[in-house]
């Protein structure tokens, strides 16, 4: 009987070979997919700036350095697009000439201001009557000349005293005196007896001026301001020489409401009405969002058409806190207006001055 040997391991070997081949094919497919993903990621990274903004939020990137890099790229791209749009509009306006549409006015907090009922109309008869009968009427009618006394709080430091001296060089007929521990109720009658029309008290905190009381004599009113961003002459870059004794011009900007109108007249009465234009000096009180910026400049005539300005200093920023009728009286004084910060500053587009 012939016995034929049957190879029992051939089927298993063929299966193993097939499984190995299938595994190799699968790994090849996976490697190809991984390479495709990598190439797609590299293409995304090398895409031009037009691919911005990204489809995801930059704040979702957890790596700080990568997040900062993406943010800077996005910001740069936005700046480029803005410049391109600006150039395009400029070319269109040049091509159209007189037929070009008017320029778009940007939206700001100032031009979106909430309308105030107390806005002053210069031609209003009631406003004219109030101006003729208020505490400043004697000054505006030319019956009195301003004479200012400047003092400080008790034990002032060097910076506050230098600020007072520079303020006295800006305001004509101003005199600086030490406080010497006297109460304001005792100082005011002495000022009235010596024909002073203003009393200015500069308060300080931590050796820095932080408050200013402006009292008009003899009948008031009295305004209390918060003082910030004080810069003396030495701290101002490219400043001019010290101011001369000429009477400066006075510029009052954006005092539109009844309260702002009275504050503007309070500042105007500090300076003589007859400015000496030979000195080329100008004092500016600019109101913006209820912050009053004071600057002192000198005109520089470069030629017949061009005029420049040079800051002389000092500079400061004022914020009105209260307006009191009559002279200073902290206990029995009648307040015409008091700043209620949480109520009045709730709306950013509503201003008091």
Protein backbone atom coordinates (compact mmCIF):
# COMPACT_ATOMS: atom_id res chain seq x y z
CA UNK A 1 0.00 0.00 0.00
CA UNK A 2 1.49 3.31 -1.07
CA UNK A 3 1.45 5.99 1.57
CA UNK A 4 1.68 9.57 0.37
CA UNK A 5 2.82 12.24 2.72
CA UNK A 6 0.57 15.22 2.94
CA UNK A 7 2.38 18.47 3.97
CA UNK A 8 0.34 19.64 6.91
CA UNK A 9 2.27 22.96 7.39
CA UNK A 10 1.84 24.34 3.85
CA UNK A 11 -1.56 25.84 4.50
CA UNK A 12 -0.41 27.49 7.71
CA UNK A 13 2.70 28.82 5.97
CA UNK A 14 0.64 30.25 3.14
CA UNK A 15 -1.72 31.83 5.64
CA UNK A 16 1.20 33.36 7.52
CA UNK A 17 2.61 34.69 4.26
CA UNK A 18 -0.75 36.18 3.34
CA UNK A 19 -1.17 37.74 6.79
CA UNK A 20 2.32 39.23 6.59
CA UNK A 21 1.57 40.65 3.14
CA UNK A 22 -1.74 42.10 4.34
CA UNK A 23 -0.03 43.66 7.38
CA UNK A 24 2.61 45.23 5.16
CA UNK A 25 -0.07 46.61 2.88
CA UNK A 26 -1.96 48.05 5.82
CA UNK A 27 1.15 49.69 7.26
CA UNK A 28 1.91 51.17 3.83
CA UNK A 29 -1.57 52.64 3.67
CA UNK A 30 -1.24 54.04 7.18
CA UNK A 31 2.15 55.53 6.42
CA UNK A 32 0.75 57.12 3.28
CA UNK A 33 -2.16 58.58 5.26
CA UNK A 34 0.23 59.94 7.92
CA UNK A 35 2.43 61.46 5.22
CA UNK A 36 -0.61 63.07 3.60
CA UNK A 37 -1.68 64.52 6.94
CA UNK A 38 1.82 65.85 7.56
CA UNK A 39 2.02 67.39 4.12
CA UNK A 40 -1.39 68.98 4.62
CA UNK A 41 -0.25 70.39 7.98
CA UNK A 42 2.95 71.74 6.40
CA UNK A 43 0.94 73.33 3.59
CA UNK A 44 -1.32 74.97 6.16
CA UNK A 45 1.69 76.34 8.01
CA UNK A 46 3.23 77.61 4.76
CA UNK A 47 0.02 79.15 3.49
CA UNK A 48 0.25 82.88 2.64
CA UNK A 49 -1.10 85.55 4.99
CA UNK A 50 -4.42 85.51 3.14
CA UNK A 51 -5.34 82.39 5.13
CA UNK A 52 -5.91 84.60 8.17
CA UNK A 53 -8.01 84.89 10.26
CA UNK A 54 -7.83 81.28 11.42
CA UNK A 55 -10.98 79.22 11.68
CA UNK A 56 -10.41 78.75 15.41
CA UNK A 57 -10.00 81.28 18.20
CA UNK A 58 -6.44 82.24 19.06
CA UNK A 59 -7.30 82.08 22.76
CA UNK A 60 -7.87 78.33 22.41
CA UNK A 61 -4.14 77.72 21.80
CA UNK A 62 -2.68 76.51 25.06
CA UNK A 63 0.97 77.13 24.27
CA UNK A 64 1.73 80.70 25.29
CA UNK A 65 4.51 81.36 22.77
CA UNK A 66 2.56 79.87 19.87
CA UNK A 67 -0.54 81.82 20.92
CA UNK A 68 1.42 85.06 21.02
CA UNK A 69 2.96 84.30 17.60
CA UNK A 70 -0.43 83.61 16.03
CA UNK A 71 -1.88 86.74 17.59
CA UNK A 72 0.93 88.92 16.23
CA UNK A 73 0.53 87.40 12.74
CA UNK A 74 -3.20 88.01 12.84
CA UNK A 75 -2.67 91.60 13.98
CA UNK A 76 -0.10 92.23 11.25
CA UNK A 77 -2.43 90.81 8.61
CA UNK A 78 -5.29 93.03 9.76
CA UNK A 79 -2.98 96.06 9.60
CA UNK A 80 -1.96 95.17 6.04
CA UNK A 81 -5.57 94.76 4.94
CA UNK A 82 -6.45 98.10 6.51
CA UNK A 83 -3.60 99.88 4.70
CA UNK A 84 -4.54 98.26 1.39
CA UNK A 85 -8.15 99.37 1.80
CA UNK A 86 -7.00 102.87 2.66
CA UNK A 87 -4.78 103.09 -0.43
CA UNK A 88 -7.62 101.78 -2.60
CA UNK A 89 -10.03 104.41 -1.28
CA UNK A 90 -7.45 107.15 -1.78
CA UNK A 91 -6.93 106.14 -5.42
CA UNK A 92 -10.69 106.06 -5.98
CA UNK A 93 -11.05 109.56 -4.50
CA UNK A 94 -8.22 110.88 -6.68
CA UNK A 95 -9.81 109.33 -9.76
CA UNK A 96 -13.29 110.72 -9.02
CA UNK A 97 -12.04 114.16 -8.03
CA UNK A 98 -14.88 116.49 -7.06
CA UNK A 99 -17.43 113.72 -7.55
CA UNK A 100 -15.88 111.63 -4.77
CA UNK A 101 -18.23 110.76 -1.89
CA UNK A 102 -17.63 112.51 1.45
CA UNK A 103 -15.26 110.89 3.91
CA UNK A 104 -16.76 108.62 6.53
CA UNK A 105 -16.76 110.10 10.02
CA UNK A 106 -15.36 107.59 12.54
CA UNK A 107 -17.54 106.72 15.50
CA UNK A 108 -16.16 108.07 18.76
CA UNK A 109 -17.51 108.49 22.25
CA UNK A 110 -17.58 112.26 21.77
CA UNK A 111 -19.68 112.35 18.59
CA UNK A 112 -22.02 109.71 20.03
CA UNK A 113 -22.56 111.76 23.15
CA UNK A 114 -25.97 111.54 24.84
CA UNK A 115 -27.86 114.81 24.39
CA UNK A 116 -27.92 117.00 27.50
CA UNK A 117 -30.87 119.29 28.13
CA UNK A 118 -28.64 121.88 29.83
CA UNK A 119 -26.54 122.52 26.70
CA UNK A 120 -25.93 126.26 26.41
CA UNK A 121 -27.13 128.22 23.39
CA UNK A 122 -24.98 131.37 23.01
CA UNK A 123 -27.97 133.35 21.69
CA UNK A 124 -30.28 132.37 24.56
CA UNK A 125 -31.63 135.42 26.42
CA UNK A 126 -31.81 133.55 29.72
CA UNK A 127 -28.12 132.62 29.49
CA UNK A 128 -27.21 136.23 28.65
CA UNK A 129 -29.20 137.46 31.67
CA UNK A 130 -27.47 134.95 33.98
CA UNK A 131 -24.06 136.01 32.68
CA UNK A 132 -24.87 139.65 33.37
CA UNK A 133 -25.89 139.00 36.97
CA UNK A 134 -23.60 136.19 38.18
CA UNK A 135 -20.53 136.44 40.42
CA UNK A 136 -18.17 136.99 37.44
CA UNK A 137 -20.09 139.89 35.91
CA UNK A 138 -17.83 142.49 37.56
CA UNK A 139 -14.77 140.90 35.97
CA UNK A 140 -16.30 140.56 32.47
CA UNK A 141 -17.59 144.13 32.64
CA UNK A 142 -14.04 145.35 33.32
CA UNK A 143 -14.71 146.58 36.87
CA UNK A 144 -12.16 144.31 38.61
CA UNK A 145 -8.72 142.96 37.75
CA UNK A 146 -7.73 139.43 38.81
CA UNK A 147 -5.40 139.06 41.78
CA UNK A 148 -4.66 135.49 42.86
CA UNK A 149 -3.32 133.99 46.09
CA UNK A 150 -1.85 130.48 45.85
CA UNK A 151 -1.29 128.40 48.96
CA UNK A 152 -0.98 124.74 49.89
CA UNK A 153 -2.05 122.26 52.52
CA UNK A 154 -0.16 122.09 55.80
CA UNK A 155 3.54 121.13 55.61
CA UNK A 156 3.92 120.91 51.82
CA UNK A 157 6.80 119.06 50.22
CA UNK A 158 9.25 120.35 47.65
CA UNK A 159 7.39 119.08 44.58
CA UNK A 160 4.15 120.77 45.62
CA UNK A 161 5.93 124.06 46.28
CA UNK A 162 7.68 123.95 42.88
CA UNK A 163 4.32 123.28 41.25
CA UNK A 164 2.80 126.32 43.01
CA UNK A 165 5.70 128.54 41.94
CA UNK A 166 5.38 127.45 38.31
CA UNK A 167 1.62 127.94 38.47
CA UNK A 168 2.22 131.49 39.74
CA UNK A 169 4.50 132.16 36.75
CA UNK A 170 1.66 131.17 34.40
CA UNK A 171 -1.13 133.19 36.08
CA UNK A 172 -0.45 136.96 36.11
CA UNK A 173 -0.72 138.84 39.43
CA UNK A 174 -0.41 135.57 41.39
CA UNK A 175 1.34 135.36 44.77
CA UNK A 176 2.45 132.23 46.64
CA UNK A 177 2.17 132.12 50.46
CA UNK A 178 2.84 129.38 52.96
CA UNK A 179 -0.22 128.00 54.75
CA UNK A 180 1.26 128.04 58.30
CA UNK A 181 -1.56 125.94 59.73
CA UNK A 182 -4.31 128.54 59.20
CA UNK A 183 -7.87 127.43 58.47
CA UNK A 184 -9.39 128.51 55.16
CA UNK A 185 -12.21 130.30 56.99
CA UNK A 186 -9.58 132.61 58.50
CA UNK A 187 -7.63 133.01 55.25
CA UNK A 188 -10.64 134.05 53.11
CA UNK A 189 -11.50 137.29 55.05
CA UNK A 190 -7.83 138.32 54.93
CA UNK A 191 -7.78 137.76 51.15
CA UNK A 192 -10.94 139.83 50.70
CA UNK A 193 -9.43 142.64 52.80
CA UNK A 194 -6.34 142.66 50.54
CA UNK A 195 -8.43 142.75 47.31
CA UNK A 196 -7.63 139.23 46.16
CA UNK A 197 -10.14 137.89 43.65
CA UNK A 198 -9.09 134.22 43.82
CA UNK A 199 -7.81 131.75 46.38
CA UNK A 200 -6.14 128.58 45.05
CA UNK A 201 -5.32 125.79 47.51
CA UNK A 202 -3.14 122.91 46.26
CA UNK A 203 -3.50 119.73 48.31
CA UNK A 204 -1.05 116.86 48.24
CA UNK A 205 -0.89 113.18 49.11
CA UNK A 206 2.36 111.21 49.42
CA UNK A 207 4.33 114.29 48.37
CA UNK A 208 2.39 114.55 45.07
CA UNK A 209 -0.27 117.23 44.27
CA UNK A 210 -3.65 115.48 44.11
CA UNK A 211 -6.30 118.17 44.72
CA UNK A 212 -7.07 121.81 43.94
CA UNK A 213 -9.62 124.16 45.51
CA UNK A 214 -10.48 127.19 43.37
CA UNK A 215 -12.42 129.84 45.30
CA UNK A 216 -13.66 133.04 43.63
CA UNK A 217 -13.75 136.02 45.99
CA UNK A 218 -15.63 137.64 47.58
CA UNK A 219 -18.93 135.87 46.73
CA UNK A 220 -17.84 132.53 45.35
CA UNK A 221 -18.38 130.03 43.82
CA UNK A 222 -15.90 127.41 45.01
CA UNK A 223 -14.84 124.44 42.87
CA UNK A 224 -12.98 121.36 44.07
CA UNK A 225 -10.93 119.43 41.50
CA UNK A 226 -9.00 116.19 41.54
CA UNK A 227 -5.49 116.75 40.12
CA UNK A 228 -3.57 114.08 38.21
CA UNK A 229 -0.77 113.73 35.64
CA UNK A 230 1.19 116.72 36.96
CA UNK A 231 4.34 117.40 34.95
CA UNK A 232 6.75 120.13 35.96
CA UNK A 233 8.89 121.99 33.46
CA UNK A 234 11.97 119.82 33.92
CA UNK A 235 9.91 116.70 33.21
CA UNK A 236 8.61 117.92 29.82
CA UNK A 237 10.59 116.95 26.75
CA UNK A 238 11.52 119.60 24.19
CA UNK A 239 10.16 122.36 26.39
CA UNK A 240 10.80 126.01 25.71
CA UNK A 241 12.38 128.67 27.86
CA UNK A 242 10.62 129.95 30.97
CA UNK A 243 7.52 132.07 30.29
CA UNK A 244 7.73 135.83 30.26
CA UNK A 245 5.58 138.26 32.26
CA UNK A 246 3.28 139.00 29.32
CA UNK A 247 -0.45 138.37 29.78
CA UNK A 248 -1.31 135.13 27.94
CA UNK A 249 -4.29 134.35 25.75
CA UNK A 250 -6.91 131.94 27.16
CA UNK A 251 -8.57 129.18 25.13
CA UNK A 252 -11.59 127.30 26.52
CA UNK A 253 -12.70 124.20 24.60
CA UNK A 254 -15.88 122.08 24.86
CA UNK A 255 -17.53 123.68 27.90
CA UNK A 256 -21.04 123.29 26.49
CA UNK A 257 -23.48 122.63 29.37
CA UNK A 258 -24.63 125.11 32.01
CA UNK A 259 -22.25 123.53 34.51
CA UNK A 260 -19.40 123.56 32.00
CA UNK A 261 -20.21 127.17 31.08
CA UNK A 262 -19.86 128.28 34.71
CA UNK A 263 -16.61 126.31 35.10
CA UNK A 264 -15.26 127.94 31.93
CA UNK A 265 -16.08 131.40 33.27
CA UNK A 266 -14.38 130.43 36.53
CA UNK A 267 -11.17 129.65 34.64
CA UNK A 268 -11.45 132.71 32.37
CA UNK A 269 -11.64 135.09 35.34
CA UNK A 270 -8.19 133.92 36.49
CA UNK A 271 -6.45 135.83 33.67
CA UNK A 272 -6.61 139.49 32.61
CA UNK A 273 -8.93 140.29 29.72
CA UNK A 274 -6.34 142.21 27.69
CA UNK A 275 -3.79 139.58 26.49
CA UNK A 276 -0.43 140.85 25.30
CA UNK A 277 0.05 139.21 21.93
CA UNK A 278 3.71 140.25 21.84
CA UNK A 279 4.49 137.49 24.37
CA UNK A 280 2.94 134.84 22.04
CA UNK A 281 1.79 132.80 25.06
CA UNK A 282 -1.48 130.89 25.34
CA UNK A 283 -3.12 128.98 28.23
CA UNK A 284 -5.51 126.22 27.13
CA UNK A 285 -8.25 124.51 29.15
CA UNK A 286 -9.48 121.61 27.01
CA UNK A 287 -12.46 119.59 28.24
CA UNK A 288 -12.68 116.03 26.93
CA UNK A 289 -14.99 113.44 28.53
CA UNK A 290 -15.23 115.63 31.68
CA UNK A 291 -11.43 115.68 32.10
CA UNK A 292 -9.95 119.18 31.84
CA UNK A 293 -6.45 119.25 30.36
CA UNK A 294 -4.35 122.34 31.05
CA UNK A 295 -1.47 123.21 28.72
CA UNK A 296 0.69 126.32 28.42
CA UNK A 297 2.33 127.02 25.03
CA UNK A 298 4.21 129.65 23.09
CA UNK A 299 3.67 130.40 19.41
CA UNK A 300 6.67 130.06 17.09
CA UNK A 301 6.29 131.74 13.68
CA UNK A 302 8.42 129.80 11.20
CA UNK A 303 7.41 131.93 8.22
CA UNK A 304 4.41 133.86 6.96
CA UNK A 305 2.31 130.70 6.54
CA UNK A 306 3.60 128.14 9.05
CA UNK A 307 3.15 128.47 12.80
CA UNK A 308 4.39 126.01 15.44
CA UNK A 309 3.84 125.74 19.18
CA UNK A 310 6.28 124.98 21.97
CA UNK A 311 5.10 123.75 25.36
CA UNK A 312 6.36 125.71 28.35
CA UNK A 313 4.72 123.84 31.23
CA UNK A 314 3.54 122.92 33.73
CA UNK A 315 0.82 120.53 32.59
CA UNK A 316 -1.94 118.91 34.65
CA UNK A 317 -5.32 117.19 34.36
CA UNK A 318 -8.37 118.26 36.39
CA UNK A 319 -11.54 116.35 37.24
CA UNK A 320 -14.40 118.31 38.82
CA UNK A 321 -15.62 116.83 42.09
CA UNK A 322 -17.94 119.53 43.44
CA UNK A 323 -19.15 123.08 42.86
CA UNK A 324 -20.22 125.03 45.93
CA UNK A 325 -22.14 128.29 46.12
CA UNK A 326 -20.38 131.08 47.99
CA UNK A 327 -16.92 130.81 49.49
CA UNK A 328 -15.42 127.65 50.97
CA UNK A 329 -17.47 126.19 53.81
CA UNK A 330 -17.13 122.46 54.38
CA UNK A 331 -19.80 122.26 57.11
CA UNK A 332 -22.66 124.58 56.15
CA UNK A 333 -21.89 125.17 52.46
CA UNK A 334 -24.60 124.79 49.82
CA UNK A 335 -23.42 122.57 47.00
CA UNK A 336 -24.65 123.33 43.50
CA UNK A 337 -23.22 120.14 42.00
CA UNK A 338 -21.48 117.05 43.46
CA UNK A 339 -19.93 114.19 41.52
CA UNK A 340 -21.70 110.89 42.20
CA UNK A 341 -19.30 108.58 40.48
CA UNK A 342 -21.33 105.34 40.45
CA UNK A 343 -24.43 107.10 39.12
CA UNK A 344 -23.00 109.71 36.75
CA UNK A 345 -20.18 107.59 35.30
CA UNK A 346 -22.39 104.57 34.63
CA UNK A 347 -22.95 105.64 30.99
CA UNK A 348 -19.70 106.30 29.12
CA UNK A 349 -21.43 108.53 26.54
CA UNK A 350 -23.00 110.93 29.02
CA UNK A 351 -20.94 113.92 30.16
CA UNK A 352 -21.59 116.68 32.67
CA UNK A 353 -19.43 119.52 31.30
